Amino acid sequence: MVLTAALLCVHNEANRLGWWIAHHVAAGFSALLICDDHSTDGSQDVLTQAARNYDIRLLATNQQETDRLQRHHDAQLQMLRQEGQHFDWIIQLAVDEYFAPSYQSVETFFSDVAARMGPEAFQRTTHVPVNWCLMGLGKRKHQRFDDQIAHPRSLFLSHASETFPDSRVTRVFFRPSARQGLPDPFANIQTPPDWSHGRILHDAAASSRTPQARRYYDRNDQHFAKGQALLSRTLDISAHILQGLIMGACYAIQNGQAPAPKARQPLLETPCRFRQFHLHRHDGQLALDRQSSAIGFHPTEAMKARNDLIPLRLTMLDAPPPEMETVAWLHAEQPAGRPYLPASVPSSTYFSALLDCLPVRLEKGEKGTVRLILQPTGQPLPDHEPLSLTPTQDTPSFKQDTVEDALRHFTAYGLTAAGLHEAIRHSRWFSPSIIGALYAQLPAGEARTLFTPLLYRLFHEWKR
């Protein structure tokens, strides 16, 4: 087995860092070596949480060095000295660079390279260059990407041609035992690019700071659907990271590391009560297809005949106060085998939506119909067309692992920041999706007092 690592240095990249980590874990790197330049935007929270579940080795830069580029360079060299001996190959990347092997994994990439070169030549080589592939913005050319974005691999599907000058720039897999410094990405600038075994998908247009640079890099000469090859696995990993962040915030409350929010009103002494509905349009019921991991409308006959169709439920507060009349949650009726509910297409899936219970707001339509609006993104689910609600006929379950009972459990003291804090403090178990879905429905002023600034930005601080 080839031991590989991706090397990265970041500063305040919380909006993209989770996607980058999940992609390269999904690609099969043995470890990620990440230097953090004393980020203040929650990047450290993402790194710490991801490192609990995956082999991510962290290092802080030396703040005494005042030159930013030199500080980053020195930190990566220090990381190589500390960790390099553990790996056969390492590649240095930026946070807007995604290694995309042609056959989905780093392991198969090296098997392919070794077969092409021959065993003896492969054993002698000390570096394997991988060319840039500059990703264009496509129909999103007027969109800004300095705030929260969906996964870049779901957004950017076209790129510059091989004749574009920057396609000759390379990132290099190198044997750490054979070199002391970092490879120069411009060293092979005269060599024509080779994307046959893999490429570096570089989102330079999206991350450009000036209009001139954005226009230069925004090339859309060729379509590249294979860039999404790792997307499903990446979103699952990202969901684990987000839900881990929520769990960490809950543990901080239980350990007394997070002060209790000031209660606006007396805490409830009994759990909230809920009503549940199925969702219909014409003769179809909204359900999750377990095989395709997509939601859609299916005839009643199909719902009865197919075990792989899981009905979706809408859960609402029973007799809510006026400010909560439009509050609801969308979830699958049975466990679906995924860590999140894939209720939208990947290009509309933001980090905050990686829960298996989704917070929604109701917009009333004609003849008793409603539209569902995902919180906090404002995205319509499943689309703009209205839905009809049909009350569920089954009796409530009292098993602790159901969505309904988790909602009751964590609203036992009321659907307020102080009430959720109290429920978390007294709980012996956590359901991060439910807690996240409840947190998203709190008023922004209250939510700011409950969890970390990063979670507040993910669930409440949105630019639309």
Protein backbone atom coordinates (compact mmCIF):
# COMPACT_ATOMS: atom_id res chain seq x y z
CA MET A 1 0.00 0.00 0.00
CA VAL A 2 1.31 3.44 -0.97
CA LEU A 3 1.28 5.94 1.90
CA THR A 4 0.32 9.40 0.66
CA ALA A 5 -0.36 12.82 2.16
CA ALA A 6 -1.64 16.20 0.96
CA LEU A 7 0.06 19.26 2.46
CA LEU A 8 -1.87 22.50 2.99
CA CYS A 9 -1.49 25.84 4.77
CA VAL A 10 -4.59 27.95 5.44
CA HIS A 11 -5.70 31.21 7.01
CA ASN A 12 -9.41 31.96 7.56
CA GLU A 13 -10.80 29.48 5.04
CA ALA A 14 -13.70 28.03 7.06
CA ASN A 15 -16.11 28.49 4.15
CA ARG A 16 -14.13 26.07 1.95
CA LEU A 17 -11.93 24.07 4.31
CA GLY A 18 -14.51 21.40 5.16
CA TRP A 19 -15.10 20.68 1.48
CA TRP A 20 -11.35 20.46 0.79
CA ILE A 21 -10.75 18.06 3.68
CA ALA A 22 -13.71 15.83 2.77
CA HIS A 23 -12.69 15.64 -0.90
CA HIS A 24 -9.14 14.54 -0.16
CA VAL A 25 -10.23 12.07 2.51
CA ALA A 26 -12.63 10.63 -0.09
CA ALA A 27 -9.79 10.48 -2.63
CA GLY A 28 -7.98 8.09 -0.31
CA PHE A 29 -5.01 10.06 0.98
CA SER A 30 -3.44 8.28 3.94
CA ALA A 31 -3.29 11.56 5.85
CA LEU A 32 -3.69 15.31 5.46
CA LEU A 33 -0.94 17.60 6.77
CA ILE A 34 -2.45 21.00 7.50
CA CYS A 35 -0.76 24.12 8.84
CA ASP A 36 -3.11 26.74 10.26
CA ASP A 37 -1.98 30.36 10.18
CA HIS A 38 -3.81 31.27 13.40
CA SER A 39 -7.24 31.51 11.77
CA THR A 40 -9.98 33.45 13.55
CA ASP A 41 -13.02 32.47 11.46
CA GLY A 42 -13.65 28.97 12.80
CA SER A 43 -11.15 27.15 10.57
CA GLN A 44 -9.50 25.76 13.70
CA ASP A 45 -12.85 24.30 14.79
CA VAL A 46 -13.20 22.52 11.45
CA LEU A 47 -9.64 21.20 11.64
CA THR A 48 -9.95 20.00 15.23
CA GLN A 49 -13.24 18.23 14.55
CA ALA A 50 -12.06 16.59 11.32
CA ALA A 51 -8.89 15.40 13.05
CA ARG A 52 -11.00 13.46 15.56
CA ASN A 53 -12.23 11.12 12.83
CA TYR A 54 -9.57 11.20 10.12
CA ASP A 55 -5.77 11.20 10.04
CA ILE A 56 -5.22 14.95 9.92
CA ARG A 57 -1.99 16.23 11.41
CA LEU A 58 -1.99 19.85 12.48
CA LEU A 59 0.65 22.51 12.98
CA ALA A 60 0.39 26.22 13.80
CA THR A 61 2.53 28.75 11.95
CA ASN A 62 5.12 30.86 13.73
CA GLN A 63 3.53 34.27 14.33
CA GLN A 64 6.90 35.86 14.99
CA GLU A 65 7.57 35.71 11.25
CA THR A 66 5.86 38.81 9.84
CA ASP A 67 6.01 37.92 6.15
CA ARG A 68 2.89 35.84 5.39
CA LEU A 69 4.29 33.84 2.47
CA GLN A 70 7.50 33.09 4.34
CA ARG A 71 5.49 32.10 7.41
CA HIS A 72 3.43 29.63 5.38
CA HIS A 73 6.52 28.26 3.63
CA ASP A 74 8.37 27.75 6.91
CA ALA A 75 5.40 25.99 8.51
CA GLN A 76 5.09 23.53 5.63
CA LEU A 77 8.81 22.77 5.75
CA GLN A 78 8.51 22.14 9.48
CA MET A 79 5.55 19.84 8.85
CA LEU A 80 7.63 17.91 6.30
CA ARG A 81 10.47 17.51 8.79
CA GLN A 82 8.07 16.23 11.44
CA GLU A 83 5.86 13.96 9.32
CA GLY A 84 7.59 13.34 6.00
CA GLN A 85 9.29 10.10 7.03
CA HIS A 86 5.87 8.46 7.46
CA PHE A 87 4.87 8.74 3.78
CA ASP A 88 6.01 7.50 0.39
CA TRP A 89 4.57 10.47 -1.50
CA ILE A 90 3.42 13.98 -0.55
CA ILE A 91 1.78 16.69 -2.66
CA GLN A 92 1.51 20.35 -1.72
CA LEU A 93 -1.85 21.98 -2.50
CA ALA A 94 -3.76 25.21 -1.88
CA VAL A 95 -7.30 25.31 -0.49
CA ASP A 96 -8.70 26.05 -3.97
CA GLU A 97 -6.85 23.08 -5.51
CA TYR A 98 -8.42 19.62 -5.61
CA PHE A 99 -6.48 16.56 -6.70
CA ALA A 100 -8.69 14.56 -9.09
CA PRO A 101 -7.28 11.14 -10.02
CA SER A 102 -8.68 9.72 -13.24
CA TYR A 103 -9.79 6.52 -11.49
CA GLN A 104 -11.16 8.05 -8.27
CA SER A 105 -8.40 7.19 -5.78
CA VAL A 106 -4.82 8.10 -5.01
CA GLU A 107 -3.99 4.38 -4.82
CA THR A 108 -5.17 3.70 -8.38
CA PHE A 109 -3.41 6.86 -9.58
CA PHE A 110 -0.05 5.48 -8.45
CA SER A 111 -0.84 2.02 -9.75
CA ASP A 112 -1.56 3.61 -13.11
CA VAL A 113 1.62 5.69 -13.06
CA ALA A 114 3.73 2.67 -12.06
CA ALA A 115 2.24 0.56 -14.85
CA ARG A 116 2.96 3.30 -17.38
CA MET A 117 6.55 3.86 -16.25
CA GLY A 118 7.48 0.28 -15.44
CA PRO A 119 8.45 -1.02 -11.97
CA GLU A 120 12.16 -0.14 -12.12
CA ALA A 121 11.69 3.38 -13.48
CA PHE A 122 8.92 4.03 -10.95
CA GLN A 123 11.16 2.99 -8.07
CA ARG A 124 13.85 5.39 -9.28
CA THR A 125 11.64 8.41 -9.86
CA THR A 126 11.42 11.01 -7.10
CA HIS A 127 8.56 13.13 -8.42
CA VAL A 128 5.31 12.75 -10.34
CA PRO A 129 3.93 16.05 -11.72
CA VAL A 130 0.19 16.69 -11.95
CA ASN A 131 -0.97 19.58 -14.10
CA TRP A 132 -3.37 22.34 -13.22
CA CYS A 133 -6.84 22.23 -14.77
CA LEU A 134 -8.30 25.75 -14.44
CA MET A 135 -12.00 25.53 -13.61
CA GLY A 136 -14.32 28.17 -15.05
CA LEU A 137 -17.43 29.64 -13.47
CA GLY A 138 -19.87 28.62 -16.20
CA LYS A 139 -23.29 30.15 -15.64
CA ARG A 140 -22.13 31.47 -12.24
CA LYS A 141 -19.81 34.09 -13.72
CA HIS A 142 -21.57 36.92 -11.84
CA GLN A 143 -21.72 35.11 -8.50
CA ARG A 144 -19.38 35.97 -5.64
CA PHE A 145 -17.71 33.15 -3.68
CA ASP A 146 -16.32 34.97 -0.66
CA ASP A 147 -19.13 33.67 1.59
CA GLN A 148 -20.58 30.20 2.10
CA ILE A 149 -20.71 28.15 -1.08
CA ALA A 150 -21.86 24.72 -2.12
CA HIS A 151 -19.18 22.12 -2.77
CA PRO A 152 -16.94 23.52 -5.56
CA ARG A 153 -16.93 20.18 -7.37
CA SER A 154 -20.70 20.44 -7.73
CA LEU A 155 -20.54 24.03 -8.98
CA PHE A 156 -17.69 24.13 -11.48
CA LEU A 157 -17.99 21.65 -14.35
CA SER A 158 -16.05 23.30 -17.16
CA HIS A 159 -12.40 24.24 -17.53
CA ALA A 160 -9.71 25.79 -19.67
CA SER A 161 -8.25 23.83 -22.54
CA GLU A 162 -4.85 22.15 -22.47
CA THR A 163 -3.52 24.97 -24.65
CA PHE A 164 -4.23 27.56 -21.93
CA PRO A 165 -0.78 28.65 -20.65
CA ASP A 166 -1.52 28.00 -16.97
CA SER A 167 -2.42 24.38 -17.74
CA ARG A 168 1.34 23.79 -17.82
CA VAL A 169 1.69 24.66 -14.13
CA THR A 170 2.15 21.56 -12.00
CA ARG A 171 1.75 20.39 -8.47
CA VAL A 172 4.12 17.52 -7.74
CA PHE A 173 3.89 14.30 -5.80
CA PHE A 174 7.38 13.96 -4.36
CA ARG A 175 9.19 11.42 -2.23
CA PRO A 176 9.91 13.27 1.03
CA SER A 177 12.96 11.08 1.58
CA ALA A 178 14.53 12.44 -1.62
CA ARG A 179 14.20 16.21 -1.19
CA GLN A 180 14.61 18.92 1.43
CA GLY A 181 12.36 21.69 0.11
CA LEU A 182 9.02 22.21 -1.60
CA PRO A 183 8.66 21.67 -5.36
CA ASP A 184 8.42 24.69 -7.64
CA PRO A 185 5.06 24.51 -9.50
CA PHE A 186 6.59 26.43 -12.42
CA ALA A 187 9.59 24.15 -12.85
CA ASN A 188 8.02 22.20 -15.74
CA ILE A 189 6.34 25.16 -17.41
CA GLN A 190 7.74 24.22 -20.84
CA THR A 191 6.27 20.71 -20.76
CA PRO A 192 2.82 20.19 -22.34
CA PRO A 193 0.16 19.20 -19.80
CA ASP A 194 -0.86 15.58 -19.27
CA TRP A 195 -4.27 14.92 -17.70
CA SER A 196 -4.45 11.24 -18.58
CA HIS A 197 -3.91 9.95 -15.03
CA GLY A 198 -5.07 12.87 -12.93
CA ARG A 199 -5.23 16.62 -12.65
CA ILE A 200 -5.40 19.46 -10.14
CA LEU A 201 -8.82 21.08 -10.38
CA HIS A 202 -7.94 24.69 -9.60
CA ASP A 203 -10.78 27.04 -8.67
CA ALA A 204 -8.68 30.11 -9.40
CA ALA A 205 -11.56 32.06 -10.97
CA ALA A 206 -13.80 31.58 -7.92
CA SER A 207 -11.04 32.54 -5.49
CA SER A 208 -9.66 35.49 -7.49
CA ARG A 209 -9.55 38.76 -5.56
CA THR A 210 -9.62 41.10 -8.55
CA PRO A 211 -11.97 41.35 -11.57
CA GLN A 212 -8.99 41.11 -13.90
CA ALA A 213 -7.78 37.83 -12.43
CA ARG A 214 -11.32 36.46 -12.35
CA ARG A 215 -11.80 37.18 -16.05
CA TYR A 216 -8.43 35.67 -16.90
CA TYR A 217 -9.10 32.38 -15.12
CA ASP A 218 -12.77 32.06 -16.02
CA ARG A 219 -12.30 29.62 -18.92
CA ASN A 220 -15.07 27.25 -19.94
CA ASP A 221 -13.69 25.50 -23.00
CA GLN A 222 -14.40 21.90 -22.00
CA HIS A 223 -17.00 20.12 -19.87
CA PHE A 224 -15.67 17.84 -17.10
CA ALA A 225 -18.38 15.79 -15.40
CA LYS A 226 -15.77 13.42 -13.94
CA GLY A 227 -14.87 16.14 -11.48
CA GLN A 228 -17.95 14.99 -9.53
CA ALA A 229 -16.76 11.40 -9.21
CA LEU A 230 -16.02 11.75 -5.49
CA LEU A 231 -18.93 14.05 -4.68
CA SER A 232 -21.31 11.58 -3.01
CA ARG A 233 -18.62 10.25 -0.67
CA THR A 234 -17.39 13.80 -0.03
CA LEU A 235 -20.82 14.99 1.06
CA ASP A 236 -21.15 12.06 3.48
CA ILE A 237 -17.79 12.93 5.04
CA SER A 238 -18.74 16.61 5.21
CA ALA A 239 -21.96 15.67 7.00
CA HIS A 240 -19.94 13.83 9.65
CA ILE A 241 -17.74 16.91 10.10
CA LEU A 242 -20.71 19.28 10.49
CA GLN A 243 -22.53 17.00 12.90
CA GLY A 244 -19.29 16.56 14.83
CA LEU A 245 -19.07 20.34 15.20
CA ILE A 246 -22.57 20.33 16.68
CA MET A 247 -21.65 17.48 19.03
CA GLY A 248 -18.57 19.41 20.14
CA ALA A 249 -20.71 22.45 20.96
CA CYS A 250 -23.01 20.20 23.00
CA TYR A 251 -20.11 18.71 24.94
CA ALA A 252 -18.88 22.24 25.69
CA ILE A 253 -22.28 23.01 27.24
CA GLN A 254 -22.23 19.85 29.34
CA ASN A 255 -18.67 20.54 30.50
CA GLY A 256 -19.56 24.05 31.60
CA GLN A 257 -17.43 25.66 28.88
CA ALA A 258 -20.35 27.58 27.33
CA PRO A 259 -22.38 30.03 29.42
CA ALA A 260 -26.13 29.60 29.51
CA PRO A 261 -28.11 32.08 27.37
CA LYS A 262 -30.33 34.46 29.26
CA ALA A 263 -33.92 33.17 29.21
CA ARG A 264 -36.46 35.53 27.62
CA GLN A 265 -39.28 33.72 29.40
CA PRO A 266 -39.65 30.94 31.99
CA LEU A 267 -38.49 27.54 30.74
CA LEU A 268 -41.18 25.01 29.93
CA GLU A 269 -41.64 22.00 32.18
CA THR A 270 -43.13 19.69 29.53
CA PRO A 271 -41.91 18.88 26.00
CA CYS A 272 -43.39 20.58 22.97
CA ARG A 273 -46.04 18.63 21.07
CA PHE A 274 -45.94 18.06 17.32
CA ARG A 275 -48.13 17.25 14.33
CA GLN A 276 -46.92 15.21 11.37
CA PHE A 277 -47.84 15.20 7.71
CA HIS A 278 -47.05 13.41 4.48
CA LEU A 279 -46.49 15.57 1.42
CA HIS A 280 -48.37 15.08 -1.85
CA ARG A 281 -48.61 16.60 -5.30
CA HIS A 282 -51.36 15.38 -7.61
CA ASP A 283 -51.33 11.56 -7.20
CA GLY A 284 -47.75 11.31 -5.94
CA GLN A 285 -46.24 11.25 -2.46
CA LEU A 286 -42.85 12.79 -1.66
CA ALA A 287 -40.35 10.09 -0.77
CA LEU A 288 -36.64 9.35 -0.70
CA ASP A 289 -35.46 6.73 -3.18
CA ARG A 290 -32.89 4.79 -1.20
CA GLN A 291 -31.19 3.48 -4.35
CA SER A 292 -30.67 6.81 -6.11
CA SER A 293 -30.47 8.93 -2.93
CA ALA A 294 -32.88 11.41 -4.49
CA ILE A 295 -36.27 12.67 -3.39
CA GLY A 296 -39.27 12.80 -5.71
CA PHE A 297 -42.97 12.06 -6.04
CA HIS A 298 -44.10 8.46 -6.42
CA PRO A 299 -47.61 7.00 -6.98
CA THR A 300 -49.32 5.31 -4.06
CA GLU A 301 -49.01 1.92 -5.75
CA ALA A 302 -45.23 2.31 -6.03
CA MET A 303 -44.99 3.39 -2.39
CA LYS A 304 -46.71 0.16 -1.32
CA ALA A 305 -44.74 -2.11 -3.64
CA ARG A 306 -41.20 -0.79 -3.21
CA ASN A 307 -39.30 -1.11 0.05
CA ASP A 308 -36.61 1.26 -1.19
CA LEU A 309 -38.99 4.26 -1.20
CA ILE A 310 -39.04 6.00 2.18
CA PRO A 311 -41.85 8.54 2.73
CA LEU A 312 -40.81 11.98 3.91
CA ARG A 313 -42.57 13.61 6.81
CA LEU A 314 -43.15 17.21 7.73
CA THR A 315 -43.21 17.76 11.48
CA MET A 316 -44.72 20.96 12.91
CA LEU A 317 -45.37 22.34 16.35
CA ASP A 318 -48.85 21.62 17.68
CA ALA A 319 -50.60 24.89 18.64
CA PRO A 320 -47.50 27.05 18.08
CA PRO A 321 -47.21 30.68 19.16
CA PRO A 322 -47.67 33.17 16.28
CA GLU A 323 -43.93 33.59 15.69
CA MET A 324 -43.55 29.82 15.25
CA GLU A 325 -46.53 29.12 12.96
CA THR A 326 -44.35 28.66 9.87
CA VAL A 327 -41.66 26.55 11.60
CA ALA A 328 -41.33 22.90 10.53
CA TRP A 329 -38.85 20.09 9.93
CA LEU A 330 -38.51 17.71 6.99
CA HIS A 331 -37.16 14.20 7.53
CA ALA A 332 -37.39 10.61 6.32
CA GLU A 333 -39.94 8.36 7.98
CA GLN A 334 -37.35 5.59 8.44
CA PRO A 335 -33.55 5.54 8.65
CA ALA A 336 -32.22 6.03 5.12
CA GLY A 337 -28.64 4.83 5.54
CA ARG A 338 -27.12 8.25 4.78
CA PRO A 339 -25.77 10.76 7.31
CA TYR A 340 -27.84 13.53 5.73
CA LEU A 341 -31.10 13.93 3.82
CA PRO A 342 -30.25 14.58 0.14
CA ALA A 343 -33.22 16.86 -0.40
CA SER A 344 -31.61 19.05 -3.06
CA VAL A 345 -29.22 18.69 -5.96
CA PRO A 346 -25.53 18.82 -4.97
CA SER A 347 -25.02 22.28 -6.50
CA SER A 348 -27.53 23.62 -3.96
CA THR A 349 -26.24 21.60 -1.01
CA TYR A 350 -24.53 23.87 1.49
CA PHE A 351 -22.62 22.72 4.56
CA SER A 352 -25.48 23.69 6.89
CA ALA A 353 -27.88 21.39 4.99
CA LEU A 354 -25.91 18.21 5.79
CA LEU A 355 -28.41 17.02 8.40
CA ASP A 356 -30.89 14.16 8.24
CA CYS A 357 -33.59 16.45 9.65
CA LEU A 358 -33.91 19.71 7.73
CA PRO A 359 -35.31 22.96 9.18
CA VAL A 360 -37.87 24.53 6.86
CA ARG A 361 -40.21 27.50 6.81
CA LEU A 362 -43.73 27.21 5.41
CA GLU A 363 -45.17 29.57 2.84
CA LYS A 364 -48.93 29.17 2.48
CA GLY A 365 -50.32 28.77 -1.03
CA GLU A 366 -53.79 28.44 -2.49
CA LYS A 367 -56.35 25.84 -1.41
CA GLY A 368 -54.44 24.82 1.70
CA THR A 369 -51.17 24.09 -0.10
CA VAL A 370 -47.74 25.11 1.16
CA ARG A 371 -44.23 25.67 -0.13
CA LEU A 372 -41.21 24.55 1.88
CA ILE A 373 -38.24 26.92 2.21
CA LEU A 374 -35.01 25.45 3.57
CA GLN A 375 -33.45 27.33 6.48
CA PRO A 376 -31.12 29.19 6.33
CA THR A 377 -30.41 29.08 2.59
CA GLY A 378 -33.87 30.15 1.39
CA GLN A 379 -33.92 27.32 -1.15
CA PRO A 380 -37.36 25.88 -2.08
CA LEU A 381 -37.77 22.15 -1.35
CA PRO A 382 -38.22 20.09 -3.40
CA ASP A 383 -38.95 22.90 -5.91
CA HIS A 384 -41.13 25.99 -6.32
CA GLU A 385 -44.40 24.09 -6.85
CA PRO A 386 -46.89 23.93 -3.93
CA LEU A 387 -47.50 20.78 -1.89
CA SER A 388 -50.53 19.33 -0.15
CA LEU A 389 -50.26 18.10 3.44
CA THR A 390 -51.95 14.90 4.64
CA PRO A 391 -51.89 14.14 8.39
CA THR A 392 -50.14 10.87 9.20
CA GLN A 393 -52.40 8.15 10.58
CA ASP A 394 -49.96 6.15 12.69
CA THR A 395 -49.71 6.55 16.44
CA PRO A 396 -46.68 8.37 17.87
CA SER A 397 -43.62 6.28 18.67
CA PHE A 398 -41.92 6.53 22.01
CA LYS A 399 -38.60 5.02 21.03
CA GLN A 400 -35.79 7.38 21.89
CA ASP A 401 -34.08 7.06 18.50
CA THR A 402 -36.94 8.43 16.36
CA VAL A 403 -36.94 11.94 14.92
CA GLU A 404 -40.22 12.79 16.63
CA ASP A 405 -39.00 11.77 20.07
CA ALA A 406 -35.67 13.54 19.57
CA LEU A 407 -37.57 16.73 18.74
CA ARG A 408 -39.66 16.31 21.89
CA HIS A 409 -36.59 15.52 23.96
CA PHE A 410 -34.63 18.60 22.94
CA THR A 411 -37.61 20.97 23.20
CA ALA A 412 -38.53 19.76 26.68
CA TYR A 413 -37.74 23.25 28.03
CA GLY A 414 -39.04 25.17 25.03
CA LEU A 415 -37.81 26.10 21.57
CA THR A 416 -35.54 28.90 22.74
CA ALA A 417 -31.78 29.21 23.09
CA ALA A 418 -32.08 28.90 26.89
CA GLY A 419 -34.43 25.92 26.54
CA LEU A 420 -32.17 24.10 24.07
CA HIS A 421 -29.17 24.80 26.30
CA GLU A 422 -31.01 23.29 29.27
CA ALA A 423 -32.08 20.20 27.29
CA ILE A 424 -28.52 19.62 26.10
CA ARG A 425 -27.15 20.11 29.60
CA HIS A 426 -29.42 17.41 31.02
CA SER A 427 -29.28 14.97 28.10
CA ARG A 428 -27.49 11.63 28.23
CA TRP A 429 -27.46 11.34 24.43
CA PHE A 430 -27.25 13.68 21.46
CA SER A 431 -28.83 13.77 18.05
CA PRO A 432 -26.71 16.34 16.19
CA SER A 433 -29.06 16.61 13.19
CA ILE A 434 -32.04 17.33 15.43
CA ILE A 435 -30.11 19.82 17.53
CA GLY A 436 -28.82 21.54 14.40
CA ALA A 437 -32.33 21.64 12.91
CA LEU A 438 -33.73 23.18 16.09
CA TYR A 439 -30.83 25.64 16.31
CA ALA A 440 -31.51 26.84 12.76
CA GLN A 441 -35.07 27.80 13.74
CA LEU A 442 -34.05 30.03 16.65
CA PRO A 443 -34.14 33.80 16.21
CA ALA A 444 -30.71 35.02 15.15
CA GLY A 445 -30.22 37.12 18.28
CA GLU A 446 -30.82 34.11 20.51
CA ALA A 447 -28.80 31.71 18.38
CA ARG A 448 -25.72 33.92 18.67
CA THR A 449 -25.63 33.23 22.42
CA LEU A 450 -25.81 29.42 22.23
CA PHE A 451 -23.12 27.86 20.01
CA THR A 452 -19.77 28.77 18.49
CA PRO A 453 -19.39 31.72 16.07
CA LEU A 454 -18.71 29.22 13.26
CA LEU A 455 -22.02 27.39 13.81
CA TYR A 456 -23.80 30.73 14.07
CA ARG A 457 -22.43 31.76 10.67
CA LEU A 458 -23.34 28.40 9.13
CA PHE A 459 -26.94 28.48 10.32
CA HIS A 460 -27.80 32.15 10.64
CA GLU A 461 -25.41 34.57 8.97
CA TRP A 462 -26.37 34.31 5.31
CA LYS A 463 -26.06 36.78 2.42
CA ARG A 464 -28.87 36.28 -0.07
